[in-house]
Amino acid sequence: MNKTDEEKLKHPYYKLMELRGDALETELNSWDRLDLIEWLSWNDRNGVYRDEESLEEFGNVCSKEEAIEIITRQIIQA
């Protein structure tokens, strides 16, 4: 693994992807809603998660609970 890969893996967004079960749930619950939205937008560039885009497309915003469910699903299926 080169230095760039090692640095990348230290980023909290990548570290999150290594968690499972209770550790993942605990970590996600400690984040605020906007941080969860940022992670979703980072992980799925084609997704609609940011409030402005979500309101425009779906007429609502992604709740913290919904964001946690989506992140958990994305990590488990990765």
Foldseek 3Di string as FASTA:
>chain_A
DDPVVVVVCVPVLNVLLVDDDPVNVVVLVVDAQVVLLVSVCVVDVPDQADQVSCCVPPVGHQHSVNSSVVVNVVSVVD
